[in-house]
Amino acid sequence: MKKNVLTLIVMLISLCSFAQKLKIDKGEIKLDDKTIGFVEGKKPLFTIFSVDKNYSIMAELKKAPNEESLVLPWIEIKDETTGKSNELEFKNKSRKFSAFNYDRSIVYELLDRDMIGIEGLNKEVIERFINGTSAGIAAKRLGVQGEIDNANKIADTYQLAIDDYGTIFSIKAQNENIDDKRIGFIKVTSPSPNGDLKYEVIDLDNNLIGTWFARGGIFSGYEKLLNQEVITFNGKVFKAAFENRGNPVGYKMSQDITAMNVVRALVGNGYTLGSRYNTTK
């Protein structure tokens, strides 16, 4: 009985914490109708002040160039006095982030991390975060995007095409018949027994080169779930975005942008398919 009562108390505390109402009105930040600070600026750069305006931090939203639109930005938190900064990502994506209220999204995130509370900005927590180990988000995201951009440049040189039967063509095909521009095949399975939607890419010798999953994909020997990622026969993983704009009415593989994204990710990263060559990267 005592255990049940304690569980109920914990649940009520959790509900109360989620019930806090955050509002920003003409730059005034209010939590449950109490003013806890002020915010100035417009996206991507905001300055957040304490209630007495004697302390402030800068919060800037950042994205890597050419990132997919659904990828959320990260936040750089900077101390205006020292110039030191650190980065954080939105950890509560579904509830906290709003593309229409960036300032409130940032404050919600700071609230979740105890950097701001009912008494306003928590200077001690903020300075510990800023002076702590670098999150390295920019280095990672910019580096990953650089790899994606480079892979896209390589894929462009192959002038890839896919017909309605899933045959993949390229001007760089190296077949005995010089007029044969086939380099492989792609097929789609939906629903997939492992993940919502699955594509498989095979070479001309019927070897499986890569498997792509839309969401929740499970692949033998790989410990993480695969979400909009293609995993190769030798365990490499690359991002390949899901895109359904190619088939507004009916379905044609030749118009399937997702299928092309999967093939481009493989070819751009050195898996050139074909027959008996370059499949041991």
Protein backbone atom coordinates (compact mmCIF):
# COMPACT_ATOMS: atom_id res chain seq x y z
CA MET A 1 0.00 0.00 0.00
CA LYS A 2 2.79 2.39 0.99
CA LYS A 3 4.57 1.59 -2.28
CA ASN A 4 1.43 2.44 -4.28
CA VAL A 5 1.04 5.76 -2.46
CA LEU A 6 4.67 6.70 -3.18
CA THR A 7 4.21 5.79 -6.84
CA LEU A 8 1.11 8.01 -7.00
CA ILE A 9 3.00 10.91 -5.43
CA VAL A 10 5.81 10.58 -7.97
CA MET A 11 3.27 10.52 -10.81
CA LEU A 12 1.53 13.64 -9.47
CA ILE A 13 4.85 15.48 -9.17
CA SER A 14 5.69 14.55 -12.76
CA LEU A 15 2.29 15.74 -13.98
CA CYS A 16 2.69 19.01 -12.12
CA SER A 17 6.07 19.65 -13.69
CA PHE A 18 4.63 19.09 -17.17
CA ALA A 19 1.64 21.29 -16.33
CA GLN A 20 3.80 24.41 -15.99
CA LYS A 21 2.58 26.99 -18.46
CA LEU A 22 5.24 28.93 -20.33
CA LYS A 23 4.32 32.11 -22.14
CA ILE A 24 6.31 34.82 -23.88
CA ASP A 25 4.47 38.09 -24.35
CA LYS A 26 6.26 41.08 -25.91
CA GLY A 27 9.60 39.70 -24.76
CA GLU A 28 8.47 38.95 -21.21
CA ILE A 29 8.94 35.31 -20.18
CA LYS A 30 6.26 34.04 -17.83
CA LEU A 31 6.06 30.69 -16.09
CA ASP A 32 2.65 30.03 -14.51
CA ASP A 33 1.97 33.79 -14.86
CA LYS A 34 5.15 34.74 -12.96
CA THR A 35 7.77 36.79 -14.83
CA ILE A 36 11.04 34.85 -14.85
CA GLY A 37 13.02 36.82 -17.42
CA PHE A 38 13.04 38.58 -20.76
CA VAL A 39 14.07 37.70 -24.30
CA GLU A 40 15.09 39.92 -27.19
CA GLY A 41 16.02 39.28 -30.80
CA LYS A 42 14.70 37.18 -33.64
CA LYS A 43 15.71 33.85 -35.11
CA PRO A 44 18.30 32.61 -35.21
CA LEU A 45 19.82 34.78 -32.43
CA PHE A 46 18.21 35.62 -29.08
CA THR A 47 19.41 37.25 -25.87
CA ILE A 48 17.81 35.98 -22.67
CA PHE A 49 17.94 38.18 -19.56
CA SER A 50 17.43 37.56 -15.87
CA VAL A 51 14.48 39.29 -14.19
CA ASP A 52 16.67 42.22 -13.04
CA LYS A 53 18.51 42.23 -16.40
CA ASN A 54 21.88 42.06 -14.64
CA TYR A 55 22.72 38.72 -16.23
CA SER A 56 22.14 37.47 -19.74
CA ILE A 57 23.10 34.76 -22.18
CA MET A 58 22.94 34.50 -25.95
CA ALA A 59 21.13 31.56 -27.55
CA GLU A 60 21.64 30.97 -31.27
CA LEU A 61 19.92 28.35 -33.39
CA LYS A 62 22.25 26.70 -35.89
CA LYS A 63 21.93 24.23 -38.76
CA ALA A 64 24.44 22.67 -41.09
CA PRO A 65 24.12 23.87 -44.72
CA ASN A 66 21.79 21.74 -46.87
CA GLU A 67 20.51 19.69 -43.92
CA GLU A 68 17.10 18.10 -44.40
CA SER A 69 14.24 20.37 -43.38
CA LEU A 70 13.02 17.94 -40.71
CA VAL A 71 16.39 17.92 -38.93
CA LEU A 72 16.08 20.25 -35.93
CA PRO A 73 18.68 22.95 -35.35
CA TRP A 74 20.98 22.85 -32.36
CA ILE A 75 21.38 25.66 -29.82
CA GLU A 76 24.63 27.46 -29.03
CA ILE A 77 24.55 28.99 -25.55
CA LYS A 78 27.10 31.77 -25.06
CA ASP A 79 28.12 33.89 -22.08
CA GLU A 80 28.17 37.47 -23.37
CA THR A 81 30.79 38.54 -20.83
CA THR A 82 33.37 35.79 -21.34
CA GLY A 83 32.50 34.81 -24.92
CA LYS A 84 32.61 31.11 -23.91
CA SER A 85 29.95 28.82 -25.34
CA ASN A 86 28.66 25.26 -25.53
CA GLU A 87 25.99 23.51 -27.56
CA LEU A 88 22.91 21.44 -26.94
CA GLU A 89 20.29 19.65 -29.00
CA PHE A 90 16.54 19.61 -28.46
CA LYS A 91 16.03 16.48 -26.37
CA ASN A 92 12.24 16.63 -26.14
CA LYS A 93 11.49 17.12 -29.82
CA SER A 94 7.81 16.22 -30.03
CA ARG A 95 6.61 18.41 -27.14
CA LYS A 96 8.98 21.34 -26.99
CA PHE A 97 10.05 22.41 -30.46
CA SER A 98 7.96 24.75 -32.59
CA ALA A 99 9.13 26.20 -35.88
CA PHE A 100 6.76 29.12 -35.27
CA ASN A 101 8.02 29.97 -31.76
CA TYR A 102 11.79 29.57 -31.73
CA ASP A 103 12.25 31.75 -28.66
CA ARG A 104 9.75 29.70 -26.64
CA SER A 105 11.30 26.48 -27.94
CA ILE A 106 14.69 27.57 -26.60
CA VAL A 107 13.30 28.62 -23.23
CA TYR A 108 11.44 25.30 -22.92
CA GLU A 109 14.73 23.48 -23.53
CA LEU A 110 16.52 25.59 -20.91
CA LEU A 111 13.67 24.86 -18.52
CA ASP A 112 14.08 21.12 -19.08
CA ARG A 113 17.78 21.41 -18.29
CA ASP A 114 17.32 23.52 -15.13
CA MET A 115 19.09 26.48 -16.74
CA ILE A 116 15.98 28.53 -16.11
CA GLY A 117 13.27 28.07 -13.50
CA ILE A 118 10.72 29.84 -11.38
CA GLU A 119 13.42 32.23 -10.14
CA GLY A 120 14.71 32.93 -13.65
CA LEU A 121 18.11 32.16 -15.19
CA ASN A 122 20.15 29.72 -13.11
CA LYS A 123 23.62 31.24 -13.46
CA GLU A 124 25.39 28.41 -11.64
CA VAL A 125 23.93 25.69 -13.87
CA ILE A 126 24.49 27.73 -17.04
CA GLU A 127 28.13 28.51 -16.24
CA ARG A 128 28.81 24.88 -15.33
CA PHE A 129 27.39 23.88 -18.71
CA ILE A 130 29.26 26.53 -20.70
CA ASN A 131 32.57 25.78 -18.98
CA GLY A 132 32.05 22.01 -19.16
CA THR A 133 33.13 19.52 -21.81
CA SER A 134 32.27 20.68 -25.33
CA ALA A 135 29.25 18.87 -26.76
CA GLY A 136 30.90 18.94 -30.20
CA ILE A 137 27.56 19.14 -32.01
CA ALA A 138 28.71 21.63 -34.65
CA ALA A 139 31.82 19.61 -35.46
CA LYS A 140 29.75 16.46 -35.83
CA ARG A 141 26.86 17.94 -37.79
CA LEU A 142 29.05 20.01 -40.12
CA GLY A 143 31.37 17.06 -40.64
CA VAL A 144 28.49 14.71 -41.45
CA GLN A 145 26.98 17.25 -43.81
CA GLY A 146 30.34 17.64 -45.52
CA GLU A 147 30.46 13.89 -46.10
CA ILE A 148 26.91 13.96 -47.51
CA ASP A 149 27.73 16.86 -49.85
CA ASN A 150 30.85 15.07 -51.09
CA ALA A 151 28.88 11.85 -51.68
CA ASN A 152 26.28 13.81 -53.65
CA LYS A 153 28.97 15.30 -55.88
CA ILE A 154 30.33 11.84 -56.61
CA ALA A 155 26.84 10.43 -57.27
CA ASP A 156 26.15 13.27 -59.72
CA THR A 157 29.02 12.10 -61.96
CA TYR A 158 27.32 8.71 -62.44
CA GLN A 159 24.12 10.22 -63.92
CA LEU A 160 21.99 7.57 -62.23
CA ALA A 161 18.55 6.51 -63.41
CA ILE A 162 16.01 3.90 -62.29
CA ASP A 163 13.27 2.44 -64.47
CA ASP A 164 9.86 1.18 -63.38
CA TYR A 165 11.22 -2.36 -62.97
CA GLY A 166 13.86 -1.24 -60.46
CA THR A 167 16.79 -1.49 -62.85
CA ILE A 168 19.56 0.99 -62.01
CA PHE A 169 21.48 2.62 -64.88
CA SER A 170 24.65 4.74 -65.01
CA ILE A 171 26.82 6.23 -67.73
CA LYS A 172 29.79 4.71 -65.88
CA ALA A 173 28.57 1.12 -66.23
CA GLN A 174 31.51 -1.19 -67.02
CA ASN A 175 29.82 -4.07 -68.82
CA GLU A 176 31.07 -6.20 -71.71
CA ASN A 177 28.40 -4.69 -73.92
CA ILE A 178 29.22 -0.97 -73.96
CA ASP A 179 25.58 -0.19 -74.68
CA ASP A 180 24.51 -1.98 -71.50
CA LYS A 181 24.26 0.75 -68.87
CA ARG A 182 22.83 -1.42 -66.07
CA ILE A 183 24.71 -1.46 -62.75
CA GLY A 184 22.16 -3.13 -60.45
CA PHE A 185 18.62 -3.37 -59.18
CA ILE A 186 16.50 -2.00 -56.34
CA LYS A 187 13.33 -3.44 -54.87
CA VAL A 188 10.95 -2.23 -52.20
CA THR A 189 9.08 -4.16 -49.50
CA SER A 190 6.19 -2.59 -47.60
CA PRO A 191 5.34 -3.40 -44.92
CA SER A 192 8.66 -4.99 -44.04
CA PRO A 193 8.96 -7.68 -41.36
CA ASN A 194 11.91 -5.64 -40.01
CA GLY A 195 10.91 -1.97 -40.08
CA ASP A 196 8.03 -0.06 -41.71
CA LEU A 197 9.44 0.17 -45.23
CA LYS A 198 12.49 -1.49 -46.75
CA TYR A 199 14.51 -1.14 -49.94
CA GLU A 200 17.19 -3.57 -51.07
CA VAL A 201 19.91 -2.78 -53.62
CA ILE A 202 21.65 -5.65 -55.40
CA ASP A 203 24.40 -5.72 -58.02
CA LEU A 204 24.28 -7.46 -61.40
CA ASP A 205 25.49 -10.69 -59.80
CA ASN A 206 22.53 -10.65 -57.41
CA ASN A 207 24.69 -9.76 -54.38
CA LEU A 208 22.92 -7.69 -51.73
CA ILE A 209 24.85 -4.41 -51.47
CA GLY A 210 22.64 -2.31 -49.20
CA THR A 211 19.39 -2.41 -47.22
CA TRP A 212 17.48 0.78 -46.35
CA PHE A 213 14.85 1.13 -43.62
CA ALA A 214 12.38 3.97 -43.17
CA ARG A 215 11.97 3.46 -39.43
CA GLY A 216 12.72 0.90 -36.74
CA GLY A 217 14.77 -1.32 -39.03
CA ILE A 218 16.61 -4.29 -37.52
CA PHE A 219 19.64 -5.71 -39.29
CA SER A 220 21.60 -8.73 -38.13
CA GLY A 221 24.89 -7.75 -36.51
CA TYR A 222 23.92 -4.08 -36.07
CA GLU A 223 22.86 -3.05 -32.56
CA LYS A 224 20.94 0.16 -33.29
CA LEU A 225 17.61 0.68 -35.02
CA LEU A 226 17.90 2.00 -38.57
CA ASN A 227 15.83 5.09 -39.38
CA GLN A 228 16.07 6.54 -42.91
CA GLU A 229 19.47 4.83 -43.17
CA VAL A 230 21.00 2.32 -45.55
CA ILE A 231 23.30 -0.38 -44.17
CA THR A 232 25.73 -2.11 -46.51
CA PHE A 233 26.70 -5.77 -46.73
CA ASN A 234 29.91 -4.93 -44.84
CA GLY A 235 28.29 -2.93 -42.04
CA LYS A 236 28.65 0.71 -43.17
CA VAL A 237 25.67 2.97 -42.48
CA PHE A 238 24.67 6.07 -44.49
CA LYS A 239 21.77 8.49 -44.24
CA ALA A 240 19.24 8.45 -47.09
CA ALA A 241 16.13 10.58 -46.72
CA PHE A 242 12.56 9.33 -47.16
CA GLU A 243 10.73 11.38 -49.75
CA ASN A 244 7.20 10.73 -51.03
CA ARG A 245 6.79 13.69 -53.41
CA GLY A 246 7.71 11.58 -56.42
CA ASN A 247 4.46 9.61 -56.61
CA PRO A 248 1.46 11.91 -56.00
CA VAL A 249 -0.87 9.58 -57.93
CA GLY A 250 -0.21 5.85 -58.22
CA TYR A 251 3.29 4.43 -57.93
CA LYS A 252 6.18 4.20 -60.36
CA MET A 253 9.65 3.15 -59.30
CA SER A 254 11.11 5.56 -61.85
CA GLN A 255 9.49 8.43 -59.93
CA ASP A 256 10.42 7.14 -56.47
CA ILE A 257 12.73 9.79 -54.98
CA THR A 258 13.45 7.65 -51.92
CA ALA A 259 14.75 4.84 -54.14
CA MET A 260 17.07 7.29 -55.91
CA ASN A 261 18.24 8.71 -52.56
CA VAL A 262 19.19 5.19 -51.43
CA VAL A 263 21.11 4.43 -54.63
CA ARG A 264 22.86 7.82 -54.56
CA ALA A 265 23.94 7.26 -50.95
CA LEU A 266 25.55 3.94 -51.90
CA VAL A 267 27.17 5.08 -55.13
CA GLY A 268 28.33 8.37 -53.62
CA ASN A 269 30.11 6.44 -50.88
CA GLY A 270 31.97 4.15 -53.26
CA TYR A 271 29.59 1.22 -53.81
CA THR A 272 29.46 1.36 -57.59
CA LEU A 273 27.54 -1.93 -58.04
CA GLY A 274 28.00 -3.51 -61.48
CA SER A 275 29.39 -7.03 -61.84
CA ARG A 276 32.38 -8.55 -60.06
CA TYR A 277 34.11 -5.26 -59.32
CA ASN A 278 34.35 -2.80 -56.47
CA THR A 279 32.02 -4.68 -54.12
CA THR A 280 34.55 -5.21 -51.34
CA LYS A 281 34.92 -1.61 -50.12
